[in-house]
């Protein structure tokens, strides 16, 4: 797989992947994302900020993710264990055509390595409590719930992993 910073040329593919992911989640009665979030404008800003990365397999978008030092004020609800040396994973999405092939785990490992090489010692993220697939991915890879956030779609686990 090829990892690189996303560009404005990737926007249509990213939005198409999100649409496919929403349809797949809804097929499993997971109502985490919708037409309001995440939106094209979110991805445009992520690209402008230099925080969005794409993952290509055979020249096709297999996944994307955003990493930054930004977090919502609800992150204050957590009992974080690993201090100030952390980075936050946002909007991690694997194409439905690539799911159940180990791609999520492989990309998550790459993200952790990337954050470690940037000099951070922990990763934080939030994950929808009603998404068993994301919950399993993170928990099986060493993430621990430190609290909860309540947003428009419901409750989200605030999770952390020491690198």
N, C-alpha and C. Protein backbone atom coordinates (compact mmCIF):
# COMPACT_ATOMS: atom_id res chain seq x y z
N UNK A 1 0.84 -1.17 0.00
CA UNK A 1 0.00 0.00 0.00
C UNK A 1 0.89 1.24 0.00
N UNK A 2 0.38 2.27 -0.63
CA UNK A 2 1.09 3.54 -0.72
C UNK A 2 0.37 4.55 0.17
N UNK A 3 1.15 5.21 1.02
CA UNK A 3 0.63 6.24 1.93
C UNK A 3 1.19 7.58 1.48
N UNK A 4 0.32 8.59 1.40
CA UNK A 4 0.78 9.93 1.07
C UNK A 4 -0.22 10.96 1.57
N UNK A 5 0.24 12.21 1.64
CA UNK A 5 -0.67 13.30 1.98
C UNK A 5 -1.77 13.41 0.93
N UNK A 6 -2.96 13.68 1.37
CA UNK A 6 -4.06 13.90 0.44
C UNK A 6 -3.94 15.26 -0.22
N UNK A 7 -4.49 15.36 -1.43
CA UNK A 7 -4.51 16.62 -2.17
C UNK A 7 -5.95 16.91 -2.58
N UNK A 8 -6.17 18.11 -3.07
CA UNK A 8 -7.51 18.48 -3.53
C UNK A 8 -7.98 17.56 -4.66
N UNK A 9 -7.05 16.98 -5.40
CA UNK A 9 -7.41 16.05 -6.47
C UNK A 9 -8.03 14.76 -5.92
N UNK A 10 -7.81 14.48 -4.63
CA UNK A 10 -8.35 13.28 -4.00
C UNK A 10 -9.77 13.46 -3.47
N UNK A 11 -10.26 14.70 -3.44
CA UNK A 11 -11.54 14.97 -2.78
C UNK A 11 -12.71 14.15 -3.31
N UNK A 12 -12.85 14.04 -4.62
CA UNK A 12 -13.98 13.27 -5.16
C UNK A 12 -13.90 11.81 -4.73
N UNK A 13 -12.72 11.23 -4.78
CA UNK A 13 -12.55 9.83 -4.35
C UNK A 13 -12.83 9.66 -2.87
N UNK A 14 -12.39 10.61 -2.06
CA UNK A 14 -12.64 10.56 -0.62
C UNK A 14 -14.15 10.61 -0.35
N UNK A 15 -14.84 11.54 -1.00
CA UNK A 15 -16.28 11.67 -0.79
C UNK A 15 -17.03 10.44 -1.28
N UNK A 16 -16.59 9.85 -2.35
CA UNK A 16 -17.20 8.61 -2.85
C UNK A 16 -16.97 7.47 -1.86
N UNK A 17 -15.76 7.37 -1.33
CA UNK A 17 -15.47 6.34 -0.33
C UNK A 17 -16.35 6.53 0.91
N UNK A 18 -16.50 7.77 1.37
CA UNK A 18 -17.35 8.04 2.53
C UNK A 18 -18.79 7.63 2.25
N UNK A 19 -19.28 7.94 1.07
CA UNK A 19 -20.65 7.55 0.70
C UNK A 19 -20.81 6.03 0.72
N UNK A 20 -19.82 5.33 0.19
CA UNK A 20 -19.85 3.86 0.22
C UNK A 20 -19.79 3.34 1.65
N UNK A 21 -18.97 3.97 2.49
CA UNK A 21 -18.83 3.55 3.89
C UNK A 21 -20.13 3.79 4.66
N UNK A 22 -20.78 4.92 4.41
CA UNK A 22 -22.06 5.20 5.07
C UNK A 22 -23.08 4.14 4.70
N UNK A 23 -23.16 3.80 3.41
CA UNK A 23 -24.11 2.78 2.96
C UNK A 23 -23.81 1.43 3.62
N UNK A 24 -22.54 1.09 3.73
CA UNK A 24 -22.15 -0.18 4.37
C UNK A 24 -22.49 -0.16 5.86
N UNK A 25 -22.20 0.94 6.53
CA UNK A 25 -22.53 1.02 7.95
C UNK A 25 -24.04 0.91 8.16
N UNK A 26 -24.80 1.63 7.35
CA UNK A 26 -26.26 1.59 7.49
C UNK A 26 -26.81 0.20 7.21
N UNK A 27 -26.16 -0.52 6.33
CA UNK A 27 -26.56 -1.91 6.05
C UNK A 27 -26.46 -2.75 7.32
N UNK A 28 -25.55 -2.37 8.21
CA UNK A 28 -25.36 -3.05 9.50
C UNK A 28 -26.02 -2.29 10.65
N UNK A 29 -26.90 -1.34 10.29
CA UNK A 29 -27.64 -0.54 11.27
C UNK A 29 -26.71 0.27 12.19
N UNK A 30 -25.65 0.79 11.59
CA UNK A 30 -24.73 1.68 12.29
C UNK A 30 -24.93 3.07 11.68
N UNK A 31 -25.43 4.00 12.48
CA UNK A 31 -25.78 5.32 11.98
C UNK A 31 -24.83 6.38 12.53
N UNK A 32 -23.57 6.17 12.24
CA UNK A 32 -22.49 7.00 12.77
C UNK A 32 -22.25 8.25 11.92
N UNK A 33 -22.18 8.10 10.62
CA UNK A 33 -21.92 9.21 9.70
C UNK A 33 -23.15 9.44 8.84
N UNK A 34 -23.28 10.65 8.30
CA UNK A 34 -24.42 10.97 7.45
C UNK A 34 -24.05 12.12 6.52
N UNK A 35 -25.07 12.78 5.95
CA UNK A 35 -24.81 13.86 5.00
C UNK A 35 -24.25 15.11 5.68
N UNK A 36 -24.36 15.21 7.00
CA UNK A 36 -23.84 16.37 7.71
C UNK A 36 -22.39 16.20 8.15
N UNK A 37 -22.04 14.98 8.53
CA UNK A 37 -20.67 14.72 9.00
C UNK A 37 -20.29 13.29 8.67
N UNK A 38 -19.09 13.11 8.14
CA UNK A 38 -18.17 14.15 7.69
C UNK A 38 -18.55 14.67 6.31
N UNK A 39 -18.31 15.92 6.06
CA UNK A 39 -18.68 16.57 4.80
C UNK A 39 -17.44 16.96 4.00
N UNK A 40 -17.66 17.21 2.75
CA UNK A 40 -16.57 17.60 1.85
C UNK A 40 -15.76 18.76 2.42
N UNK A 41 -16.43 19.71 3.03
CA UNK A 41 -15.74 20.88 3.59
C UNK A 41 -14.75 20.47 4.69
N UNK A 42 -15.10 19.42 5.45
CA UNK A 42 -14.17 18.91 6.48
C UNK A 42 -12.89 18.40 5.83
N UNK A 43 -13.05 17.65 4.75
CA UNK A 43 -11.88 17.08 4.07
C UNK A 43 -11.06 18.16 3.38
N UNK A 44 -11.73 19.16 2.81
CA UNK A 44 -11.00 20.28 2.21
C UNK A 44 -10.12 20.95 3.25
N UNK A 45 -10.67 21.20 4.42
CA UNK A 45 -9.89 21.84 5.48
C UNK A 45 -8.75 20.95 5.95
N UNK A 46 -9.02 19.64 6.10
CA UNK A 46 -7.97 18.70 6.49
C UNK A 46 -6.80 18.73 5.51
N UNK A 47 -7.13 18.78 4.22
CA UNK A 47 -6.09 18.81 3.19
C UNK A 47 -5.31 20.13 3.28
N UNK A 48 -6.03 21.24 3.42
CA UNK A 48 -5.36 22.54 3.55
C UNK A 48 -4.44 22.57 4.76
N UNK A 49 -4.87 21.91 5.84
CA UNK A 49 -4.07 21.88 7.07
C UNK A 49 -2.92 20.88 7.00
N UNK A 50 -2.89 20.04 5.96
CA UNK A 50 -1.83 19.05 5.81
C UNK A 50 -1.96 17.88 6.77
N UNK A 51 -3.21 17.54 7.14
CA UNK A 51 -3.46 16.49 8.13
C UNK A 51 -4.12 15.23 7.56
N UNK A 52 -4.54 15.26 6.31
CA UNK A 52 -5.26 14.13 5.73
C UNK A 52 -4.32 13.29 4.87
N UNK A 53 -4.33 12.00 5.13
CA UNK A 53 -3.49 11.05 4.39
C UNK A 53 -4.38 10.05 3.66
N UNK A 54 -3.97 9.70 2.46
CA UNK A 54 -4.67 8.69 1.69
C UNK A 54 -3.81 7.43 1.61
N UNK A 55 -4.50 6.31 1.48
CA UNK A 55 -3.85 5.01 1.35
C UNK A 55 -4.33 4.41 0.04
N UNK A 56 -3.39 4.12 -0.85
CA UNK A 56 -3.72 3.61 -2.18
C UNK A 56 -3.30 2.16 -2.31
N UNK A 57 -4.14 1.39 -2.94
CA UNK A 57 -3.85 0.00 -3.29
C UNK A 57 -4.21 -0.17 -4.75
N UNK A 58 -3.25 -0.54 -5.58
CA UNK A 58 -3.48 -0.65 -7.03
C UNK A 58 -4.06 0.65 -7.60
N UNK A 59 -3.50 1.78 -7.18
CA UNK A 59 -3.91 3.12 -7.63
C UNK A 59 -5.35 3.49 -7.29
N UNK A 60 -5.97 2.76 -6.36
CA UNK A 60 -7.33 3.07 -5.92
C UNK A 60 -7.30 3.41 -4.44
N UNK A 61 -8.19 4.32 -4.05
CA UNK A 61 -8.25 4.73 -2.65
C UNK A 61 -8.77 3.57 -1.80
N UNK A 62 -7.92 3.10 -0.92
CA UNK A 62 -8.28 1.99 -0.03
C UNK A 62 -8.71 2.49 1.34
N UNK A 63 -8.16 3.63 1.77
CA UNK A 63 -8.47 4.18 3.08
C UNK A 63 -7.95 5.61 3.14
N UNK A 64 -8.39 6.32 4.16
CA UNK A 64 -7.82 7.63 4.47
C UNK A 64 -7.96 7.86 5.96
N UNK A 65 -7.19 8.83 6.45
CA UNK A 65 -7.26 9.18 7.86
C UNK A 65 -6.73 10.59 8.05
N UNK A 66 -7.06 11.15 9.20
CA UNK A 66 -6.59 12.48 9.57
C UNK A 66 -5.91 12.34 10.92
N UNK A 67 -4.73 12.94 11.05
CA UNK A 67 -4.06 12.99 12.35
C UNK A 67 -3.68 14.43 12.63
N UNK A 68 -3.90 14.85 13.88
CA UNK A 68 -3.58 16.23 14.25
C UNK A 68 -3.49 16.34 15.77
N UNK A 69 -3.18 17.53 16.22
CA UNK A 69 -3.15 17.77 17.66
C UNK A 69 -4.46 18.37 18.14
N UNK A 70 -5.45 18.44 17.29
CA UNK A 70 -6.74 19.04 17.63
C UNK A 70 -7.70 17.99 18.18
N UNK A 71 -8.52 18.42 19.15
CA UNK A 71 -9.58 17.56 19.65
C UNK A 71 -10.73 18.42 20.14
N UNK A 72 -11.90 17.84 20.11
CA UNK A 72 -13.12 18.50 20.55
C UNK A 72 -13.07 18.74 22.07
N UNK A 73 -13.79 19.73 22.52
CA UNK A 73 -13.82 20.01 23.97
C UNK A 73 -14.31 18.83 24.78
N UNK A 74 -15.11 17.93 24.17
CA UNK A 74 -15.59 16.74 24.88
C UNK A 74 -14.45 15.80 25.26
N UNK A 75 -13.30 15.95 24.63
CA UNK A 75 -12.15 15.14 25.02
C UNK A 75 -11.74 15.43 26.46
N UNK A 76 -12.20 16.54 27.00
CA UNK A 76 -11.96 16.87 28.39
C UNK A 76 -12.70 15.95 29.36
N UNK A 77 -13.62 15.13 28.84
CA UNK A 77 -14.38 14.19 29.67
C UNK A 77 -13.57 12.94 30.03
N UNK A 78 -12.43 12.76 29.41
CA UNK A 78 -11.67 11.53 29.58
C UNK A 78 -10.64 11.65 30.70
N UNK A 79 -10.32 10.51 31.27
CA UNK A 79 -9.24 10.40 32.26
C UNK A 79 -8.00 9.89 31.52
N UNK A 80 -7.39 10.78 30.74
CA UNK A 80 -6.23 10.41 29.93
C UNK A 80 -5.07 10.01 30.83
N UNK A 81 -4.30 9.02 30.40
CA UNK A 81 -3.23 8.48 31.22
C UNK A 81 -1.83 8.87 30.76
N UNK A 82 -1.68 9.33 29.52
CA UNK A 82 -0.34 9.46 28.97
C UNK A 82 0.08 10.90 28.66
N UNK A 83 -0.35 11.84 29.46
CA UNK A 83 0.17 13.20 29.44
C UNK A 83 -0.05 13.98 28.17
N UNK A 84 0.90 14.87 27.90
CA UNK A 84 0.75 15.83 26.81
C UNK A 84 1.39 15.41 25.49
N UNK A 85 2.06 14.28 25.45
CA UNK A 85 2.74 13.85 24.23
C UNK A 85 1.85 12.88 23.44
N UNK A 86 0.80 13.44 22.81
CA UNK A 86 -0.14 12.61 22.08
C UNK A 86 -0.54 13.30 20.78
N UNK A 87 -1.07 12.50 19.87
CA UNK A 87 -1.65 12.99 18.64
C UNK A 87 -3.00 12.31 18.51
N UNK A 88 -3.93 12.93 17.77
CA UNK A 88 -5.30 12.45 17.70
C UNK A 88 -5.60 11.93 16.30
N UNK A 89 -6.22 10.75 16.25
CA UNK A 89 -6.67 10.14 14.99
C UNK A 89 -8.13 10.51 14.78
N UNK A 90 -8.43 11.05 13.60
CA UNK A 90 -9.79 11.45 13.23
C UNK A 90 -10.17 10.81 11.88
N UNK A 91 -11.44 10.64 11.66
CA UNK A 91 -11.99 10.31 10.34
C UNK A 91 -11.23 9.18 9.62
N UNK A 92 -10.95 8.12 10.34
CA UNK A 92 -10.29 6.95 9.76
C UNK A 92 -11.35 6.12 9.04
N UNK A 93 -11.14 5.87 7.78
CA UNK A 93 -12.13 5.15 6.98
C UNK A 93 -11.43 4.20 6.01
N UNK A 94 -11.88 2.95 6.03
CA UNK A 94 -11.39 1.94 5.09
C UNK A 94 -12.51 1.66 4.10
N UNK A 95 -12.17 1.59 2.83
CA UNK A 95 -13.15 1.30 1.79
C UNK A 95 -13.85 -0.03 2.08
N UNK A 96 -15.18 -0.08 1.93
CA UNK A 96 -15.88 -1.35 2.13
C UNK A 96 -15.32 -2.49 1.28
N UNK A 97 -14.80 -2.19 0.10
CA UNK A 97 -14.23 -3.24 -0.75
C UNK A 97 -12.94 -3.82 -0.18
N UNK A 98 -12.35 -3.11 0.78
CA UNK A 98 -11.08 -3.55 1.38
C UNK A 98 -11.26 -4.08 2.80
N UNK A 99 -12.48 -4.07 3.30
CA UNK A 99 -12.71 -4.50 4.68
C UNK A 99 -12.62 -6.02 4.79
N UNK A 100 -12.32 -6.47 6.00
CA UNK A 100 -12.17 -7.89 6.32
C UNK A 100 -11.00 -8.54 5.58
N UNK A 101 -9.98 -7.74 5.27
CA UNK A 101 -8.77 -8.22 4.60
C UNK A 101 -7.51 -7.81 5.36
N UNK A 102 -7.69 -7.33 6.58
CA UNK A 102 -6.55 -6.90 7.39
C UNK A 102 -6.06 -5.50 7.08
N UNK A 103 -6.77 -4.78 6.21
CA UNK A 103 -6.33 -3.44 5.81
C UNK A 103 -6.45 -2.47 6.98
N UNK A 104 -7.56 -2.53 7.72
CA UNK A 104 -7.73 -1.63 8.86
C UNK A 104 -6.60 -1.76 9.86
N UNK A 105 -6.26 -2.98 10.21
CA UNK A 105 -5.17 -3.22 11.16
C UNK A 105 -3.84 -2.73 10.59
N UNK A 106 -3.58 -3.02 9.32
CA UNK A 106 -2.32 -2.59 8.70
C UNK A 106 -2.21 -1.07 8.67
N UNK A 107 -3.29 -0.39 8.31
CA UNK A 107 -3.25 1.07 8.25
C UNK A 107 -3.13 1.65 9.67
N UNK A 108 -3.83 1.05 10.63
CA UNK A 108 -3.72 1.53 12.01
C UNK A 108 -2.28 1.40 12.51
N UNK A 109 -1.63 0.31 12.18
CA UNK A 109 -0.23 0.12 12.56
C UNK A 109 0.65 1.19 11.92
N UNK A 110 0.40 1.51 10.66
CA UNK A 110 1.14 2.56 9.96
C UNK A 110 0.91 3.92 10.63
N UNK A 111 -0.34 4.20 10.99
CA UNK A 111 -0.67 5.47 11.65
C UNK A 111 0.11 5.58 12.97
N UNK A 112 0.11 4.52 13.75
CA UNK A 112 0.83 4.52 15.02
C UNK A 112 2.33 4.74 14.81
N UNK A 113 2.89 4.06 13.82
CA UNK A 113 4.32 4.25 13.51
C UNK A 113 4.60 5.70 13.08
N UNK A 114 3.71 6.24 12.27
CA UNK A 114 3.87 7.62 11.80
C UNK A 114 3.84 8.59 12.98
N UNK A 115 2.90 8.41 13.88
CA UNK A 115 2.78 9.29 15.05
C UNK A 115 3.99 9.13 15.97
N UNK A 116 4.45 7.92 16.14
CA UNK A 116 5.65 7.66 16.97
C UNK A 116 6.86 8.38 16.37
N UNK A 117 7.02 8.28 15.04
CA UNK A 117 8.15 8.93 14.37
C UNK A 117 8.07 10.45 14.45
N UNK A 118 6.88 10.97 14.64
CA UNK A 118 6.69 12.41 14.80
C UNK A 118 7.08 12.87 16.21
N UNK A 119 7.36 11.89 17.08
CA UNK A 119 7.82 12.23 18.42
C UNK A 119 6.77 12.16 19.52
N UNK A 120 5.60 11.63 19.21
CA UNK A 120 4.54 11.52 20.21
C UNK A 120 4.55 10.13 20.83
N UNK A 121 4.08 10.05 22.07
CA UNK A 121 4.12 8.77 22.79
C UNK A 121 2.76 8.13 23.00
N UNK A 122 1.69 8.76 22.50
CA UNK A 122 0.35 8.18 22.65
C UNK A 122 -0.55 8.63 21.51
N UNK A 123 -1.58 7.82 21.26
CA UNK A 123 -2.61 8.14 20.28
C UNK A 123 -3.94 8.22 21.02
N UNK A 124 -4.73 9.21 20.67
CA UNK A 124 -6.09 9.33 21.20
C UNK A 124 -7.06 9.35 20.02
N UNK A 125 -8.27 8.89 20.27
CA UNK A 125 -9.30 8.87 19.25
C UNK A 125 -10.65 8.72 19.92
N UNK A 126 -11.70 8.89 19.11
CA UNK A 126 -13.04 8.57 19.59
C UNK A 126 -13.66 7.60 18.61
N UNK A 127 -14.49 6.72 19.14
CA UNK A 127 -15.15 5.74 18.30
C UNK A 127 -16.58 5.52 18.79
N UNK A 128 -17.48 5.42 17.85
CA UNK A 128 -18.91 5.28 18.13
C UNK A 128 -19.15 3.99 18.91
N UNK A 129 -19.84 4.10 20.03
CA UNK A 129 -20.07 2.91 20.86
C UNK A 129 -20.97 1.88 20.15
N UNK A 130 -21.72 2.33 19.15
CA UNK A 130 -22.62 1.41 18.43
C UNK A 130 -22.01 0.88 17.13
N UNK A 131 -20.69 1.03 16.99
CA UNK A 131 -19.99 0.47 15.83
C UNK A 131 -19.08 -0.67 16.33
N UNK A 132 -19.60 -1.91 16.35
CA UNK A 132 -18.82 -3.02 16.90
C UNK A 132 -17.55 -3.31 16.11
N UNK A 133 -17.52 -2.98 14.84
CA UNK A 133 -16.35 -3.25 14.01
C UNK A 133 -15.19 -2.35 14.41
N UNK A 134 -15.48 -1.05 14.55
CA UNK A 134 -14.44 -0.11 14.98
C UNK A 134 -14.02 -0.40 16.43
N UNK A 135 -14.99 -0.69 17.28
CA UNK A 135 -14.68 -1.02 18.67
C UNK A 135 -13.71 -2.21 18.73
N UNK A 136 -14.00 -3.23 17.96
CA UNK A 136 -13.15 -4.43 17.96
C UNK A 136 -11.75 -4.12 17.44
N UNK A 137 -11.67 -3.36 16.35
CA UNK A 137 -10.37 -3.00 15.78
C UNK A 137 -9.50 -2.31 16.83
N UNK A 138 -10.04 -1.30 17.46
CA UNK A 138 -9.24 -0.53 18.41
C UNK A 138 -8.91 -1.34 19.66
N UNK A 139 -9.89 -2.01 20.23
CA UNK A 139 -9.64 -2.78 21.46
C UNK A 139 -8.64 -3.92 21.21
N UNK A 140 -8.75 -4.59 20.08
CA UNK A 140 -7.81 -5.68 19.77
C UNK A 140 -6.39 -5.16 19.51
N UNK A 141 -6.28 -3.88 19.26
CA UNK A 141 -4.97 -3.28 19.00
C UNK A 141 -4.47 -2.43 20.16
N UNK A 142 -5.02 -2.67 21.35
CA UNK A 142 -4.46 -2.08 22.56
C UNK A 142 -5.02 -0.75 23.01
N UNK A 143 -6.09 -0.28 22.39
CA UNK A 143 -6.70 0.97 22.81
C UNK A 143 -7.61 0.72 24.01
N UNK A 144 -7.60 1.68 24.95
CA UNK A 144 -8.36 1.56 26.18
C UNK A 144 -9.30 2.76 26.29
N UNK A 145 -10.54 2.50 26.67
CA UNK A 145 -11.50 3.59 26.87
C UNK A 145 -11.13 4.38 28.12
N UNK A 146 -11.12 5.72 27.98
CA UNK A 146 -10.78 6.60 29.09
C UNK A 146 -11.95 7.49 29.50
N UNK A 147 -13.07 7.39 28.77
CA UNK A 147 -14.23 8.22 29.05
C UNK A 147 -15.15 8.24 27.84
N UNK A 148 -16.14 9.13 27.90
CA UNK A 148 -17.13 9.19 26.83
C UNK A 148 -17.39 10.62 26.39
N UNK A 149 -17.75 10.74 25.13
CA UNK A 149 -18.24 12.00 24.57
C UNK A 149 -19.66 11.75 24.08
N UNK A 150 -20.49 12.74 24.21
CA UNK A 150 -21.86 12.64 23.71
C UNK A 150 -22.05 13.69 22.63
N UNK A 151 -22.22 13.20 21.40
CA UNK A 151 -22.42 14.08 20.27
C UNK A 151 -23.77 13.80 19.63
N UNK A 152 -24.05 14.48 18.55
CA UNK A 152 -25.34 14.42 17.86
C UNK A 152 -25.80 12.99 17.57
N UNK A 153 -24.89 12.11 17.23
CA UNK A 153 -25.25 10.74 16.86
C UNK A 153 -25.30 9.78 18.04
N UNK A 154 -24.84 10.23 19.21
CA UNK A 154 -24.87 9.36 20.38
C UNK A 154 -23.57 9.39 21.16
N UNK A 155 -23.30 8.28 21.82
CA UNK A 155 -22.14 8.16 22.70
C UNK A 155 -20.93 7.60 21.94
N UNK A 156 -19.77 8.19 22.24
CA UNK A 156 -18.51 7.77 21.64
C UNK A 156 -17.52 7.48 22.75
N UNK A 157 -16.80 6.37 22.60
CA UNK A 157 -15.69 6.06 23.51
C UNK A 157 -14.53 6.98 23.18
N UNK A 158 -13.93 7.55 24.21
CA UNK A 158 -12.68 8.30 24.07
C UNK A 158 -11.58 7.32 24.44
N UNK A 159 -10.75 6.98 23.47
CA UNK A 159 -9.78 5.91 23.64
C UNK A 159 -8.36 6.43 23.50
N UNK A 160 -7.44 5.65 24.11
CA UNK A 160 -6.03 6.05 24.14
C UNK A 160 -5.16 4.79 24.09
N UNK A 161 -3.99 4.96 23.47
CA UNK A 161 -3.00 3.87 23.42
C UNK A 161 -1.62 4.49 23.58
N UNK A 162 -0.82 3.90 24.44
CA UNK A 162 0.58 4.30 24.58
C UNK A 162 1.36 3.64 23.46
N UNK A 163 2.21 4.42 22.82
CA UNK A 163 3.01 3.89 21.70
C UNK A 163 4.35 3.38 22.21
